[in-house]
Protein backbone atom coordinates (compact mmCIF):
# COMPACT_ATOMS: atom_id res chain seq x y z
CA MET A 1 9.17 101.30 8.29
CA SER A 2 10.20 105.20 7.82
CA ARG A 3 13.76 106.00 8.49
CA LYS A 4 15.51 108.74 8.21
CA LEU A 5 18.90 109.72 6.59
CA LYS A 6 20.68 108.68 9.93
CA ASP A 7 19.22 106.08 10.04
CA TYR A 8 20.35 104.73 6.27
CA LEU A 9 24.05 105.52 7.30
CA VAL A 10 24.41 103.73 10.18
CA ILE A 11 23.03 101.06 7.74
CA SER A 12 25.65 101.49 5.61
CA LEU A 13 27.87 101.84 8.58
CA LYS A 14 26.75 97.67 9.83
CA GLY A 15 27.19 96.92 5.55
CA LEU A 16 30.74 98.11 5.68
CA ALA A 17 31.17 96.14 9.24
CA MET A 18 29.71 92.95 7.36
CA GLY A 19 31.93 93.68 4.07
CA ALA A 20 34.76 93.47 5.87
CA ALA A 21 33.94 90.64 7.83
CA ASP A 22 32.98 88.57 4.56
CA VAL A 23 37.14 89.23 3.07
CA VAL A 24 38.86 87.53 5.66
CA PRO A 25 38.24 83.64 4.77
CA GLY A 26 36.58 82.92 8.65
CA VAL A 27 34.25 85.13 9.55
CA SER A 28 30.93 85.64 8.96
CA GLY A 29 29.42 88.27 7.16
CA GLY A 30 25.93 87.10 8.83
CA THR A 31 27.45 87.04 12.35
CA ILE A 32 27.61 91.45 12.29
CA ALA A 33 24.57 91.49 10.78
CA PHE A 34 22.99 89.35 13.99
CA ILE A 35 24.86 91.23 16.34
CA SER A 36 24.28 94.62 14.58
CA GLY A 37 20.64 93.83 14.83
CA ILE A 38 19.43 94.08 11.27
CA TYR A 39 19.58 90.04 10.57
CA GLU A 40 16.19 89.18 10.57
CA GLU A 41 15.16 92.56 8.58
CA LEU A 42 17.37 91.37 6.33
CA LEU A 43 16.29 87.68 5.47
CA SER A 44 12.98 89.37 5.28
CA SER A 45 13.79 91.90 2.65
CA ILE A 46 15.70 89.59 0.52
CA SER A 47 12.55 87.22 0.64
CA ASN A 48 10.71 90.23 -0.44
CA VAL A 49 12.24 89.74 -4.24
CA ASN A 50 9.71 87.48 -5.43
CA LEU A 51 7.00 87.36 -8.13
CA GLY A 52 4.72 89.54 -6.27
CA LEU A 53 6.99 92.51 -6.04
CA PHE A 54 6.85 92.49 -10.04
CA LYS A 55 3.38 92.75 -10.22
CA THR A 56 2.90 95.50 -7.86
CA LEU A 57 6.01 96.98 -10.33
CA LYS A 58 3.34 96.32 -12.72
CA ASN A 59 0.72 97.78 -11.44
CA ASP A 60 1.07 100.25 -8.45
CA GLY A 61 4.67 101.46 -9.86
CA PHE A 62 8.10 101.66 -8.69
CA LYS A 63 7.66 103.96 -5.56
CA ALA A 64 5.29 100.86 -3.89
CA ALA A 65 7.21 98.08 -5.03
CA TRP A 66 10.48 100.28 -3.86
CA ALA A 67 8.37 99.88 -0.06
CA GLN A 68 7.30 96.47 -0.84
CA LEU A 69 11.13 95.70 -0.91
CA ASN A 70 12.19 97.49 1.75
CA GLY A 71 14.48 98.92 -0.59
CA GLY A 72 15.65 101.68 0.92
CA PHE A 73 17.22 99.52 4.34
CA LEU A 74 18.73 97.61 0.87
CA ALA A 75 20.26 99.39 -0.67
CA SER A 76 22.13 101.29 2.13
CA LEU A 77 23.80 98.14 3.69
CA PHE A 78 24.65 96.74 0.19
CA LEU A 79 26.31 100.32 -0.75
CA GLY A 80 28.30 99.56 2.56
CA ILE A 81 28.97 96.43 2.05
CA PHE A 82 30.44 96.40 -1.75
CA VAL A 83 32.29 99.64 -0.49
CA SER A 84 33.77 98.03 2.18
CA ILE A 85 34.83 95.06 -0.17
CA VAL A 86 35.86 96.97 -2.55
CA SER A 87 37.95 99.13 -0.57
CA LEU A 88 39.58 96.66 1.52
CA ALA A 89 40.39 93.70 -0.36
CA LYS A 90 44.38 94.88 -0.27
CA ALA A 91 44.41 95.78 3.49
CA ILE A 92 42.87 92.72 4.23
CA LYS A 93 45.32 90.64 1.50
CA TYR A 94 48.03 91.87 3.03
CA LEU A 95 47.39 91.59 6.48
CA LEU A 96 46.83 87.91 5.64
CA GLU A 97 49.91 87.63 4.31
CA ASN A 98 51.86 89.47 6.70
CA GLU A 99 50.61 89.93 9.83
CA PRO A 100 48.17 87.11 10.22
CA ILE A 101 48.56 86.05 13.83
CA LEU A 102 47.02 89.97 14.72
CA LEU A 103 44.25 89.89 12.35
CA TRP A 104 43.15 86.24 13.12
CA SER A 105 43.55 87.77 17.28
CA PHE A 106 40.83 90.99 16.46
CA PHE A 107 38.33 88.59 14.61
CA PHE A 108 38.87 85.85 17.56
CA GLY A 109 37.86 88.02 19.77
CA LEU A 110 34.73 89.62 18.00
CA VAL A 111 33.35 85.84 17.35
CA LEU A 112 34.15 85.17 20.59
CA ALA A 113 31.64 87.93 21.91
CA SER A 114 29.57 87.38 19.36
CA ILE A 115 28.22 83.86 20.70
CA ILE A 116 27.65 85.33 23.80
CA TYR A 117 25.73 87.65 22.59
CA ILE A 118 23.75 85.40 20.24
CA ALA A 119 23.26 82.76 23.24
CA LYS A 120 21.50 85.40 25.50
CA GLN A 121 19.07 85.47 22.41
CA ILE A 122 18.12 82.04 23.39
CA LYS A 123 15.34 82.64 26.29
CA LYS A 124 14.40 78.68 26.71
CA TRP A 125 17.06 76.45 26.59
CA ASN A 126 16.04 72.71 26.41
CA ILE A 127 17.47 69.13 25.95
CA LEU A 128 16.78 69.38 22.36
CA SER A 129 18.12 73.06 22.19
CA PHE A 130 21.53 71.90 23.68
CA ILE A 131 21.63 68.65 20.71
CA VAL A 132 21.19 70.71 17.74
CA LEU A 133 23.91 73.81 19.50
CA ILE A 134 26.52 70.50 19.73
CA LEU A 135 25.57 69.12 16.15
CA GLY A 136 26.30 73.01 14.67
CA ALA A 137 29.50 73.54 17.04
CA PHE A 138 30.60 69.48 15.69
CA LEU A 139 29.70 70.49 12.06
CA ALA A 140 30.87 73.82 11.44
CA PHE A 141 34.14 72.10 13.37
CA TYR A 142 34.55 69.72 10.58
CA ILE A 143 33.83 72.08 7.90
CA THR A 144 36.95 74.39 8.91
CA THR A 145 39.24 70.84 9.28
CA LEU A 146 38.84 70.30 5.68
CA ASN A 147 41.30 70.83 3.07
CA PRO A 148 40.78 73.04 0.16
CA LEU A 149 41.11 72.58 -3.29
CA VAL A 150 45.06 72.35 -4.75
CA SER A 151 43.40 73.86 -8.06
CA GLU A 152 42.45 76.78 -8.87
CA ASN A 153 39.38 77.03 -10.88
CA SER A 154 38.59 80.42 -12.50
CA SER A 155 36.26 79.51 -15.43
CA TYR A 156 33.15 81.63 -15.18
CA ILE A 157 30.77 78.32 -14.50
CA TYR A 158 32.43 77.83 -11.68
CA ILE A 159 32.79 81.23 -10.40
CA PHE A 160 29.05 81.50 -11.18
CA ILE A 161 27.94 78.30 -8.80
CA ALA A 162 31.03 79.35 -6.23
CA GLY A 163 28.89 82.95 -5.62
CA ALA A 164 25.84 80.72 -4.88
CA ILE A 165 27.07 78.66 -2.86
CA ALA A 166 28.99 80.98 -0.41
CA ILE A 167 26.72 83.83 -0.30
CA CYS A 168 24.74 81.04 1.58
CA ALA A 169 27.80 81.14 4.22
CA MET A 170 28.17 84.78 4.25
CA ILE A 171 24.32 84.89 5.26
CA LEU A 172 24.52 82.23 7.63
CA PRO A 173 25.98 83.49 11.39
CA GLY A 174 29.51 81.69 11.55
CA ILE A 175 30.19 80.05 8.79
CA SER A 176 32.44 82.36 6.84
CA GLY A 177 31.49 82.73 2.65
CA SER A 178 35.42 83.06 2.05
CA PHE A 179 36.34 80.30 3.71
CA ILE A 180 34.07 78.48 1.46
CA LEU A 181 35.42 80.24 -1.68
CA VAL A 182 39.05 78.88 0.33
CA LEU A 183 37.44 75.28 -0.04
CA LEU A 184 35.87 75.53 -3.57
CA GLY A 185 39.51 76.80 -4.77
CA ALA A 186 37.68 79.81 -5.81
CA TYR A 187 39.32 82.35 -3.29
CA LYS A 188 42.45 83.77 -4.75
CA PRO A 189 40.17 83.87 -8.69
CA VAL A 190 37.30 85.88 -7.32
CA LEU A 191 40.36 88.65 -5.10
CA ASN A 192 42.21 88.28 -8.11
CA ALA A 193 39.36 90.01 -10.39
CA LEU A 194 38.65 92.71 -7.19
CA ASN A 195 41.98 93.83 -7.56
CA ASN A 196 42.79 93.92 -11.05
CA LYS A 197 39.04 95.37 -11.69
CA ASP A 198 38.30 91.97 -14.08
CA ILE A 199 34.55 93.34 -14.22
CA LYS A 200 33.12 90.59 -16.19
CA THR A 201 34.64 87.73 -13.40
CA VAL A 202 33.14 90.24 -10.79
CA LEU A 203 29.33 89.89 -12.13
CA ILE A 204 29.17 86.41 -12.85
CA PHE A 205 30.62 85.93 -9.41
CA LEU A 206 27.67 88.55 -8.36
CA ALA A 207 25.13 86.68 -10.56
CA GLY A 208 26.19 83.59 -8.94
CA ALA A 209 25.46 85.25 -5.49
CA ILE A 210 21.98 86.36 -5.94
CA VAL A 211 21.07 83.06 -6.76
CA GLY A 212 21.88 81.97 -3.58
CA LEU A 213 20.65 84.72 -2.01
CA LEU A 214 16.91 84.84 -3.25
CA THR A 215 16.81 80.87 -2.05
CA PHE A 216 19.20 80.49 0.92
CA SER A 217 17.49 83.58 2.97
CA ARG A 218 13.58 81.89 2.23
CA VAL A 219 14.91 78.88 4.00
CA LEU A 220 16.40 80.98 6.83
CA LYS A 221 13.36 83.22 7.47
CA TRP A 222 10.89 79.94 7.47
CA LEU A 223 13.66 78.56 9.82
CA PHE A 224 13.58 81.54 12.27
CA LYS A 225 9.45 82.15 11.90
CA HIS A 226 8.60 78.29 12.56
CA TYR A 227 11.56 77.73 14.76
CA LYS A 228 12.95 80.06 16.24
CA GLU A 229 14.75 79.28 19.60
CA ILE A 230 16.86 75.86 17.60
CA THR A 231 17.48 78.05 15.12
CA LEU A 232 19.55 80.52 16.84
CA ALA A 233 21.32 77.53 18.96
CA GLY A 234 22.55 75.77 15.86
CA LEU A 235 23.59 79.52 14.83
CA THR A 236 25.14 78.99 18.33
CA GLY A 237 27.09 76.58 17.58
CA PHE A 238 28.27 76.76 14.65
CA ILE A 239 30.19 79.76 15.75
CA ILE A 240 31.99 78.00 18.34
CA GLY A 241 32.86 75.22 16.07
CA SER A 242 33.95 78.03 13.69
CA LEU A 243 36.72 79.62 16.32
CA ASN A 244 38.77 76.34 15.72
CA LYS A 245 39.40 78.64 11.74
CA ILE A 246 40.57 81.57 12.85
CA TRP A 247 42.46 80.70 15.89
CA PRO A 248 45.80 82.78 15.65
CA TRP A 249 48.26 80.71 15.80
CA LYS A 250 48.54 77.98 13.06
CA GLU A 251 51.17 74.89 12.33
CA THR A 252 51.17 74.28 8.53
CA LEU A 253 51.64 70.81 7.63
CA THR A 254 51.12 70.72 4.59
CA TRP A 255 52.50 73.50 1.37
CA ARG A 256 51.67 74.19 -2.09
CA ILE A 257 52.34 76.03 -4.92
CA ASN A 258 49.17 78.69 -5.99
CA SER A 259 48.84 80.14 -9.53
CA HIS A 260 51.70 82.67 -9.16
CA GLY A 261 54.18 80.14 -8.55
CA VAL A 262 54.83 81.06 -4.03
CA GLU A 263 54.71 78.70 -1.69
CA VAL A 264 51.34 78.89 0.86
CA PRO A 265 50.01 77.01 3.39
CA PHE A 266 47.72 74.22 2.73
CA ASN A 267 46.96 71.85 5.67
CA GLN A 268 46.97 73.82 8.89
CA GLN A 269 45.82 72.75 12.37
CA SER A 270 46.00 75.21 15.53
CA VAL A 271 48.30 75.06 18.11
CA SER A 272 49.22 76.61 21.40
CA PRO A 273 50.79 79.82 21.64
CA PHE A 274 53.52 78.26 23.36
CA THR A 275 54.26 76.10 21.23
CA PHE A 276 54.02 78.12 17.80
CA ASP A 277 57.13 78.08 16.39
CA GLY A 278 58.03 81.44 15.38
CA ASP A 279 57.13 85.19 16.94
CA PRO A 280 53.95 84.73 18.83
CA GLN A 281 53.01 87.64 19.37
CA LEU A 282 50.83 86.86 23.02
CA ILE A 283 50.82 89.98 24.37
CA MET A 284 49.65 92.48 20.88
CA ALA A 285 47.39 89.42 20.13
CA VAL A 286 45.69 88.83 23.39
CA ALA A 287 45.28 93.45 23.18
CA LEU A 288 43.94 92.72 19.76
CA ALA A 289 41.30 90.44 21.13
CA ALA A 290 40.58 92.30 23.80
CA VAL A 291 39.82 95.29 21.02
CA GLY A 292 37.02 92.77 18.90
CA PHE A 293 35.82 91.66 22.12
CA ILE A 294 34.80 94.94 23.38
CA ILE A 295 33.42 96.31 19.97
CA ILE A 296 30.50 93.59 20.36
CA LEU A 297 29.96 94.68 23.77
CA GLY A 298 29.59 98.27 22.97
CA MET A 299 27.63 96.71 19.75
CA GLU A 300 25.23 95.34 21.88
CA LYS A 301 25.08 97.82 24.37
CA LEU A 302 24.07 100.74 22.17
CA ALA A 303 21.68 98.16 20.47
CA VAL A 304 19.92 97.81 24.04
CA GLN A 305 19.81 101.55 24.39
CA LYS A 306 17.91 101.97 21.01
CA LYS A 307 15.48 99.24 22.52
């Protein structure tokens, strides 16, 4: 595929959006990849990392291997993701602690619109599609109700395993890799490593992520190739079920003390903004949800015009 510099800049911008989503525990970068029109190319390109690629490198040289890998696309995308995660980690942490309702409202609108977008990709609905959608929704909803691990494990082996598991969620629309890290008790150690420039921990996490990514991408690629409509229905269900996690108004049922000695929410449930104990910031929340919704509609319109 022949691309110009402008095309790679656009891909990097999509990577920035994916990275921003992945930092938030409840929003999937895979959702952003899907609605920005690069999801299947991403899966296909990642799946190209195999023994055949190394044979091409040995026999035909770097240029041929780079083309087989679709290296320009992957390099541009992951550069955007990396820059976004590193630069936005502190900002997202601040907003999660100080303006959670407004942050969740924006992403709620964004994810809600993405459900409509992905569902529209399904050309033929049947009973099996609806069953898979419902099962996906229930599974994702159940995951959002699970309690995080009480202890935060920062051992290198655990960080590696957490990276391998979380990356599967990061490329799966509707399931947040950051939320999986929260459930595993690895979110804070990884976020602290980024903020404190703990290079060793970050590299171990990335190594785990690479292993998980190369494995799971092949599974998704196979599903899209052989059962695309059913897979899309399942992904739509996953995203519907995940809305519970990013619902802006929460009631904290139990608290815990984190590694810094600070009391933080442990178990929460979604509540109505009208019964929320505190300022629901309803007008601003609705406005930001609308902004998120409109952004997705704009991205869809641009994708249609490009086609």
